Amino acid sequence: MTTQRMTAMVFIVVLTSSAGFGQVKTTVPDAVPGARPATVERITIHGSALEGNLEADAADRTVLVFLPPSYARERNRRYPVVYALHGYSIGAEQWSQEIHVPQTIEGAFARGAKEMIVVLPDSKTVHNGSMYSSSVTTGDFENFIAHDVVSYIDAHYRTIANRTSRGLVGHSMGGYGASRIGMKHPDVFGSLYIMSPCCLSARSAGPANPANEEALAAVKTPEDSAKLPFGLRAQLASAAAWSPNPNNPPLYLDLPIGPNQQSVLARWAANAPLAFIDQYIQNLRRYRAIAIDVGDQDNLKVDTGKLHDVLANYGIKHDFDIYSGTHTSNVAVRFQENVMPFFSRTLSFETAKR
């Protein structure tokens, strides 16, 4: 599969400098006058679901926790929680800068959104992204998010520990994660917001590219992976997540090249939300609310529209918005003006009586 095809079909990341991929520039909404400050905590959560992964990704993960302005003052109050998943090639710190938190969180509260806790877990791996999937190679990031992180936050913060008071949102690879985890874990989350999701469709093989195959075959260490161009590194991330192989060191994955190409692509297809969504329709019906958005200049617009069509065909009520923008340009504005108000409307802010 060519680098160009992988780049176009698997991930969209904005090139921000000639040195490589990294922090993208997003439109910053104006600061809201009178917004009160949120508290930022940088913590480490141990992921039992990540223990023993074959590529030695850390089981102890950085997590950013944003506590609302009233949290320290109203010590008997409990809060809903929104879990926000970052995209490919970045971690929680860069994600926080792209969506300009805590400013956008504070702005949303100042504009009338009800106060809640917002959590940004880090899921960056050796090859730059976990795909929020379950793999012996990367570890089980799906259950790291749905169980390890949620359990820790409920145990250490004043949360309303009920699915109806938990929201899940993600952008790009995080949008894929929100789709995947959302479909499989309606027992954990009650409202779902999917932003510009990548990787929704099963992939087809492109023309053979001997140079790319040779470059991939030469990768033996994380340092080798870091030297690869974006598209090839994305192939490794996809393979680590979707076609792990415990008997194929040193990377412990199978790539969609050579005689095994079709069998590997079939394994990747099994991880495509548009391929498995029919199995989880009843789970999706359990959500209090679902929202999907994508920019009108985003190459992911077509597949995002297909996800909307499937939900519509099954009669699952949801919001769908194609807004003016690229893949990343307005993500911070959307987070303040759309994502936070959505969860303010749809999560439960009532503590269950015991």
Protein backbone atom coordinates (compact mmCIF):
# COMPACT_ATOMS: atom_id res chain seq x y z
CA MET A 1 0.00 0.00 0.00
CA THR A 2 1.46 3.34 -0.96
CA THR A 3 2.29 6.09 1.48
CA GLN A 4 -0.08 8.40 -0.37
CA ARG A 5 -2.97 5.98 -0.07
CA MET A 6 -2.33 5.32 3.58
CA THR A 7 -2.10 9.03 4.31
CA ALA A 8 -5.32 9.79 2.49
CA MET A 9 -7.32 6.82 3.72
CA VAL A 10 -6.19 6.12 7.25
CA PHE A 11 -5.29 9.39 8.95
CA ILE A 12 -5.45 13.12 8.29
CA VAL A 13 -2.87 15.18 10.15
CA VAL A 14 -1.81 18.69 9.25
CA LEU A 15 1.84 19.27 8.36
CA THR A 16 2.88 22.26 10.43
CA SER A 17 6.60 22.45 9.75
CA SER A 18 9.18 21.07 7.37
CA ALA A 19 10.57 19.07 10.27
CA GLY A 20 7.56 16.78 10.48
CA PHE A 21 4.16 16.30 12.04
CA GLY A 22 3.29 17.81 15.37
CA GLN A 23 1.28 20.57 16.92
CA VAL A 24 -1.29 21.97 14.50
CA LYS A 25 -2.59 25.51 14.52
CA THR A 26 -6.26 25.82 15.38
CA THR A 27 -8.53 28.83 15.57
CA VAL A 28 -8.71 30.10 19.14
CA PRO A 29 -12.10 31.38 20.26
CA ASP A 30 -12.09 34.73 22.00
CA ALA A 31 -11.74 34.55 25.76
CA VAL A 32 -15.13 34.95 27.42
CA PRO A 33 -15.23 37.93 29.79
CA GLY A 34 -15.77 36.92 33.39
CA ALA A 35 -14.86 33.25 32.84
CA ARG A 36 -13.69 31.70 36.07
CA PRO A 37 -10.55 29.54 36.07
CA ALA A 38 -10.62 25.76 36.00
CA THR A 39 -7.99 23.74 37.86
CA VAL A 40 -5.59 21.60 35.83
CA GLU A 41 -4.13 18.43 37.33
CA ARG A 42 -1.55 16.24 35.59
CA ILE A 43 -1.75 12.75 37.01
CA THR A 44 -0.54 9.27 36.16
CA ILE A 45 -2.96 6.36 35.84
CA HIS A 46 -1.72 2.79 35.76
CA GLY A 47 -3.40 0.79 33.03
CA SER A 48 -3.79 -2.83 34.04
CA ALA A 49 -5.20 -3.37 30.54
CA LEU A 50 -1.84 -2.28 29.10
CA GLU A 51 0.39 -4.53 31.19
CA GLY A 52 2.67 -6.88 29.28
CA ASN A 53 2.14 -5.34 25.84
CA LEU A 54 4.74 -6.62 23.41
CA GLU A 55 6.05 -3.28 22.14
CA ALA A 56 6.73 -2.13 25.69
CA ASP A 57 4.42 0.87 25.63
CA ALA A 58 4.10 2.40 29.09
CA ALA A 59 1.34 1.02 31.30
CA ASP A 60 1.55 4.19 33.40
CA ARG A 61 -0.08 6.95 31.35
CA THR A 62 -0.27 10.70 31.70
CA VAL A 63 -3.82 11.99 32.14
CA LEU A 64 -4.90 15.64 32.28
CA VAL A 65 -7.84 16.39 34.56
CA PHE A 66 -9.69 19.72 34.33
CA LEU A 67 -11.74 20.49 37.42
CA PRO A 68 -14.51 23.10 37.12
CA PRO A 69 -14.29 26.44 38.94
CA SER A 70 -16.63 25.39 41.75
CA TYR A 71 -14.88 22.07 42.48
CA ALA A 72 -12.59 23.29 45.27
CA ARG A 73 -15.27 25.47 46.84
CA GLU A 74 -18.32 23.18 46.80
CA ARG A 75 -16.82 20.17 48.54
CA ASN A 76 -20.03 18.15 48.76
CA ARG A 77 -20.88 18.53 45.09
CA ARG A 78 -20.39 15.77 42.54
CA TYR A 79 -19.91 16.23 38.81
CA PRO A 80 -20.42 14.43 35.50
CA VAL A 81 -17.25 13.61 33.56
CA VAL A 82 -16.37 14.01 29.89
CA TYR A 83 -13.54 11.85 28.53
CA ALA A 84 -11.86 13.45 25.48
CA LEU A 85 -9.67 11.32 23.18
CA HIS A 86 -6.81 12.79 21.15
CA GLY A 87 -5.83 12.02 17.58
CA TYR A 88 -2.92 10.27 15.88
CA SER A 89 0.65 11.56 16.29
CA ILE A 90 -0.13 13.66 19.37
CA GLY A 91 -0.59 12.96 23.07
CA ALA A 92 -2.73 14.49 25.78
CA GLU A 93 -0.53 17.59 26.19
CA GLN A 94 -0.64 18.48 22.49
CA TRP A 95 -4.36 17.70 22.38
CA SER A 96 -4.93 20.13 25.23
CA GLN A 97 -3.19 22.81 23.17
CA GLU A 98 -5.15 22.04 20.01
CA ILE A 99 -8.49 22.42 21.77
CA HIS A 100 -7.06 25.24 23.93
CA VAL A 101 -8.13 23.91 27.29
CA PRO A 102 -8.71 25.08 29.91
CA GLN A 103 -9.70 28.32 28.12
CA THR A 104 -12.42 26.67 26.03
CA ILE A 105 -13.76 24.76 29.02
CA GLU A 106 -13.89 27.95 31.06
CA GLY A 107 -15.49 29.79 28.16
CA ALA A 108 -18.18 27.15 27.80
CA PHE A 109 -19.03 27.39 31.51
CA ALA A 110 -19.11 31.19 31.31
CA ARG A 111 -21.54 30.94 28.39
CA GLY A 112 -23.92 28.79 30.39
CA ALA A 113 -22.73 25.18 30.12
CA LYS A 114 -23.16 23.30 33.37
CA GLU A 115 -19.94 22.55 35.19
CA MET A 116 -18.35 19.14 34.69
CA ILE A 117 -14.96 17.44 34.92
CA VAL A 118 -13.03 16.97 31.67
CA VAL A 119 -10.41 14.22 31.34
CA LEU A 120 -7.76 13.89 28.59
CA PRO A 121 -5.95 10.51 28.71
CA ASP A 122 -2.73 9.95 26.76
CA SER A 123 -2.75 7.04 24.32
CA LYS A 124 0.35 7.72 22.24
CA THR A 125 2.43 4.61 21.47
CA VAL A 126 5.74 3.58 19.91
CA HIS A 127 4.29 4.13 16.44
CA ASN A 128 2.42 7.32 17.42
CA GLY A 129 -1.08 6.02 18.09
CA SER A 130 -2.93 3.20 19.83
CA MET A 131 -6.07 3.35 17.66
CA TYR A 132 -7.86 2.87 21.01
CA SER A 133 -7.95 -0.80 20.10
CA SER A 134 -7.31 -4.09 21.87
CA SER A 135 -4.01 -5.70 20.90
CA VAL A 136 -1.38 -7.84 22.61
CA THR A 137 1.20 -5.72 20.80
CA THR A 138 0.11 -2.25 21.99
CA GLY A 139 -2.00 -3.28 24.95
CA ASP A 140 -5.75 -3.06 25.39
CA PHE A 141 -6.32 0.67 25.03
CA GLU A 142 -10.03 0.16 24.53
CA ASN A 143 -10.41 -1.15 28.07
CA PHE A 144 -7.76 1.22 29.40
CA ILE A 145 -10.12 4.06 28.51
CA ALA A 146 -13.43 2.37 29.30
CA HIS A 147 -12.37 0.78 32.58
CA ASP A 148 -8.96 1.73 33.97
CA VAL A 149 -9.26 5.48 33.47
CA VAL A 150 -12.95 5.68 34.36
CA SER A 151 -12.46 3.59 37.52
CA TYR A 152 -9.52 5.72 38.65
CA ILE A 153 -11.33 9.01 38.08
CA ASP A 154 -14.41 7.76 39.94
CA ALA A 155 -12.22 6.60 42.84
CA HIS A 156 -10.17 9.80 43.17
CA TYR A 157 -12.56 12.63 42.24
CA ARG A 158 -16.08 13.65 43.20
CA THR A 159 -17.83 12.22 40.17
CA ILE A 160 -21.36 11.07 39.58
CA ALA A 161 -20.38 7.47 39.00
CA ASN A 162 -23.12 6.51 36.59
CA ARG A 163 -23.09 5.93 32.83
CA THR A 164 -25.71 8.65 32.33
CA SER A 165 -23.24 11.13 33.81
CA ARG A 166 -20.28 10.13 31.61
CA GLY A 167 -19.62 11.50 28.14
CA LEU A 168 -17.13 10.30 25.53
CA VAL A 169 -15.74 12.53 22.77
CA GLY A 170 -12.80 12.19 20.39
CA HIS A 171 -11.31 13.79 17.29
CA SER A 172 -9.73 12.03 14.28
CA MET A 173 -8.12 8.86 15.69
CA GLY A 174 -9.95 9.86 18.86
CA GLY A 175 -13.15 10.03 16.82
CA TYR A 176 -12.47 6.47 15.73
CA GLY A 177 -11.88 5.62 19.39
CA ALA A 178 -15.13 7.27 20.44
CA SER A 179 -16.97 5.31 17.73
CA ARG A 180 -15.38 1.99 18.64
CA ILE A 181 -15.49 2.34 22.41
CA GLY A 182 -18.90 3.96 22.28
CA MET A 183 -20.41 1.08 20.35
CA LYS A 184 -18.94 -1.51 22.71
CA HIS A 185 -19.35 0.18 26.09
CA PRO A 186 -22.80 1.77 26.50
CA ASP A 187 -22.70 0.39 30.03
CA VAL A 188 -19.95 2.93 30.79
CA PHE A 189 -20.92 6.05 28.82
CA GLY A 190 -24.27 7.78 28.36
CA SER A 191 -23.62 10.45 25.69
CA LEU A 192 -21.34 10.28 22.67
CA TYR A 193 -19.76 12.99 20.48
CA ILE A 194 -17.73 11.90 17.41
CA MET A 195 -15.52 14.56 15.80
CA SER A 196 -14.06 14.01 12.30
CA PRO A 197 -13.49 10.28 12.84
CA CYS A 198 -10.80 8.51 10.86
CA CYS A 199 -10.60 4.89 9.80
CA LEU A 200 -14.32 4.16 9.58
CA SER A 201 -14.17 2.08 6.39
CA ALA A 202 -12.38 -1.13 5.52
CA ARG A 203 -9.22 -0.47 3.52
CA SER A 204 -8.35 -1.77 0.06
CA ALA A 205 -4.86 -2.54 -1.19
CA GLY A 206 -3.03 -0.02 -3.31
CA PRO A 207 -0.28 -0.71 -5.83
CA ALA A 208 2.83 -2.46 -4.56
CA ASN A 209 5.63 -0.12 -3.55
CA PRO A 210 8.94 -2.00 -3.09
CA ALA A 211 10.70 1.04 -1.60
CA ASN A 212 8.08 1.41 1.12
CA GLU A 213 8.08 -2.31 1.86
CA GLU A 214 11.85 -2.24 2.20
CA ALA A 215 11.68 0.74 4.55
CA LEU A 216 9.10 -1.00 6.74
CA ALA A 217 11.06 -4.24 6.80
CA ALA A 218 14.12 -2.34 8.04
CA VAL A 219 12.34 -1.11 11.19
CA LYS A 220 13.64 -2.96 14.24
CA THR A 221 13.46 -0.36 17.02
CA PRO A 222 11.35 2.62 18.12
CA GLU A 223 14.14 4.85 16.86
CA ASP A 224 13.80 3.30 13.40
CA SER A 225 10.05 3.91 13.48
CA ALA A 226 10.52 7.56 14.45
CA LYS A 227 12.56 8.17 11.28
CA LEU A 228 9.80 7.00 8.95
CA PRO A 229 7.52 9.40 7.05
CA PHE A 230 4.00 9.83 8.38
CA GLY A 231 2.26 7.36 6.06
CA LEU A 232 4.61 4.48 6.79
CA ARG A 233 4.52 5.12 10.51
CA ALA A 234 0.75 5.12 10.32
CA GLN A 235 0.91 1.68 8.69
CA LEU A 236 2.91 0.40 11.63
CA ALA A 237 0.43 1.89 14.11
CA SER A 238 -2.50 0.31 12.27
CA ALA A 239 -0.77 -3.06 12.08
CA ALA A 240 0.23 -2.98 15.75
CA ALA A 241 -3.40 -2.32 16.70
CA TRP A 242 -5.29 -4.46 14.19
CA SER A 243 -2.96 -7.22 13.00
CA PRO A 244 -0.77 -8.07 16.00
CA ASN A 245 1.41 -11.16 15.83
CA PRO A 246 3.10 -12.36 19.04
CA ASN A 247 5.28 -14.69 16.96
CA ASN A 248 6.72 -12.01 14.67
CA PRO A 249 9.41 -10.07 16.57
CA PRO A 250 10.74 -7.46 16.92
CA LEU A 251 7.60 -5.42 16.05
CA TYR A 252 5.06 -8.18 16.73
CA LEU A 253 2.77 -7.24 13.88
CA ASP A 254 1.79 -8.26 10.36
CA LEU A 255 1.77 -5.70 7.56
CA PRO A 256 -0.57 -5.74 4.52
CA ILE A 257 2.24 -6.51 2.10
CA GLY A 258 3.42 -9.58 0.25
CA PRO A 259 1.51 -12.88 0.11
CA ASN A 260 -0.36 -12.17 3.37
CA GLN A 261 -1.76 -8.84 2.18
CA GLN A 262 -5.39 -9.87 1.83
CA SER A 263 -5.55 -11.77 5.11
CA VAL A 264 -4.07 -8.79 6.97
CA LEU A 265 -6.47 -6.37 5.28
CA ALA A 266 -9.33 -8.65 6.33
CA ARG A 267 -8.17 -8.31 9.94
CA TRP A 268 -8.05 -4.53 9.52
CA ALA A 269 -11.55 -4.59 8.02
CA ALA A 270 -12.81 -6.36 11.13
CA ASN A 271 -11.80 -3.22 13.06
CA ALA A 272 -13.61 -0.74 10.78
CA PRO A 273 -16.67 0.75 12.53
CA LEU A 274 -18.72 0.90 9.33
CA ALA A 275 -18.09 -2.85 8.98
CA PHE A 276 -19.09 -3.83 12.51
CA ILE A 277 -21.68 -1.18 13.43
CA ASP A 278 -24.63 -3.46 12.59
CA GLN A 279 -23.61 -5.70 15.49
CA TYR A 280 -23.94 -2.83 17.97
CA ILE A 281 -27.16 -1.09 17.00
CA GLN A 282 -28.89 -2.04 20.23
CA ASN A 283 -25.94 -0.64 22.17
CA LEU A 284 -26.16 2.64 20.28
CA ARG A 285 -29.87 2.87 21.06
CA ARG A 286 -28.96 3.03 24.76
CA TYR A 287 -27.26 6.42 24.46
CA ARG A 288 -29.07 9.46 25.77
CA ALA A 289 -27.63 11.43 22.84
CA ILE A 290 -25.15 11.06 19.96
CA ALA A 291 -23.56 13.86 17.92
CA ILE A 292 -21.27 13.71 14.89
CA ASP A 293 -19.49 16.56 13.13
CA VAL A 294 -16.91 17.09 10.39
CA GLY A 295 -15.50 20.00 8.40
CA ASP A 296 -16.66 20.64 4.85
CA GLN A 297 -13.01 20.72 3.71
CA ASP A 298 -12.08 17.50 5.52
CA ASN A 299 -11.27 14.40 3.45
CA LEU A 300 -12.99 12.38 6.16
CA LYS A 301 -16.32 14.00 5.31
CA VAL A 302 -17.46 11.12 3.06
CA ASP A 303 -17.04 8.32 5.59
CA THR A 304 -18.40 10.51 8.38
CA GLY A 305 -21.49 11.00 6.25
CA LYS A 306 -21.79 7.23 5.86
CA LEU A 307 -21.79 6.84 9.63
CA HIS A 308 -24.60 9.38 9.82
CA ASP A 309 -26.50 7.47 7.13
CA VAL A 310 -26.26 4.17 9.02
CA LEU A 311 -27.60 5.71 12.21
CA ALA A 312 -30.39 7.42 10.25
CA ASN A 313 -31.32 4.18 8.47
CA TYR A 314 -31.68 2.42 11.82
CA GLY A 315 -33.74 5.28 13.21
CA ILE A 316 -31.17 6.20 15.86
CA LYS A 317 -31.70 9.82 16.82
CA HIS A 318 -28.51 11.88 16.58
CA ASP A 319 -27.15 15.27 15.57
CA PHE A 320 -25.02 15.57 12.43
CA ASP A 321 -23.24 18.74 11.41
CA ILE A 322 -20.97 19.56 8.48
CA TYR A 323 -19.37 22.86 9.43
CA SER A 324 -17.06 25.24 7.58
CA GLY A 325 -13.46 24.18 8.17
CA THR A 326 -10.65 21.72 7.61
CA HIS A 327 -9.82 18.64 9.64
CA THR A 328 -8.30 20.65 12.48
CA SER A 329 -8.96 24.34 11.92
CA ASN A 330 -12.00 24.76 14.17
CA VAL A 331 -11.60 21.96 16.68
CA ALA A 332 -11.05 24.38 19.61
CA VAL A 333 -14.05 26.51 18.65
CA ARG A 334 -16.19 23.39 18.28
CA PHE A 335 -15.05 22.15 21.68
CA GLN A 336 -16.21 25.33 23.39
CA GLU A 337 -19.30 26.14 21.36
CA ASN A 338 -20.61 22.65 20.54
CA VAL A 339 -19.01 19.80 22.48
CA MET A 340 -19.26 21.22 26.00
CA PRO A 341 -22.82 22.55 25.54
CA PHE A 342 -23.85 19.17 24.08
CA PHE A 343 -22.74 17.34 27.21
CA SER A 344 -24.26 20.06 29.37
CA ARG A 345 -27.62 19.28 27.75
CA THR A 346 -27.37 15.50 27.60
CA LEU A 347 -25.53 14.24 30.68
CA SER A 348 -27.26 13.70 33.98
CA PHE A 349 -26.22 16.15 36.69
CA GLU A 350 -28.32 14.47 39.35
CA THR A 351 -26.57 12.34 41.95
CA ALA A 352 -28.38 9.04 42.35
CA LYS A 353 -30.02 8.57 45.75
CA ARG A 354 -28.60 5.68 47.74
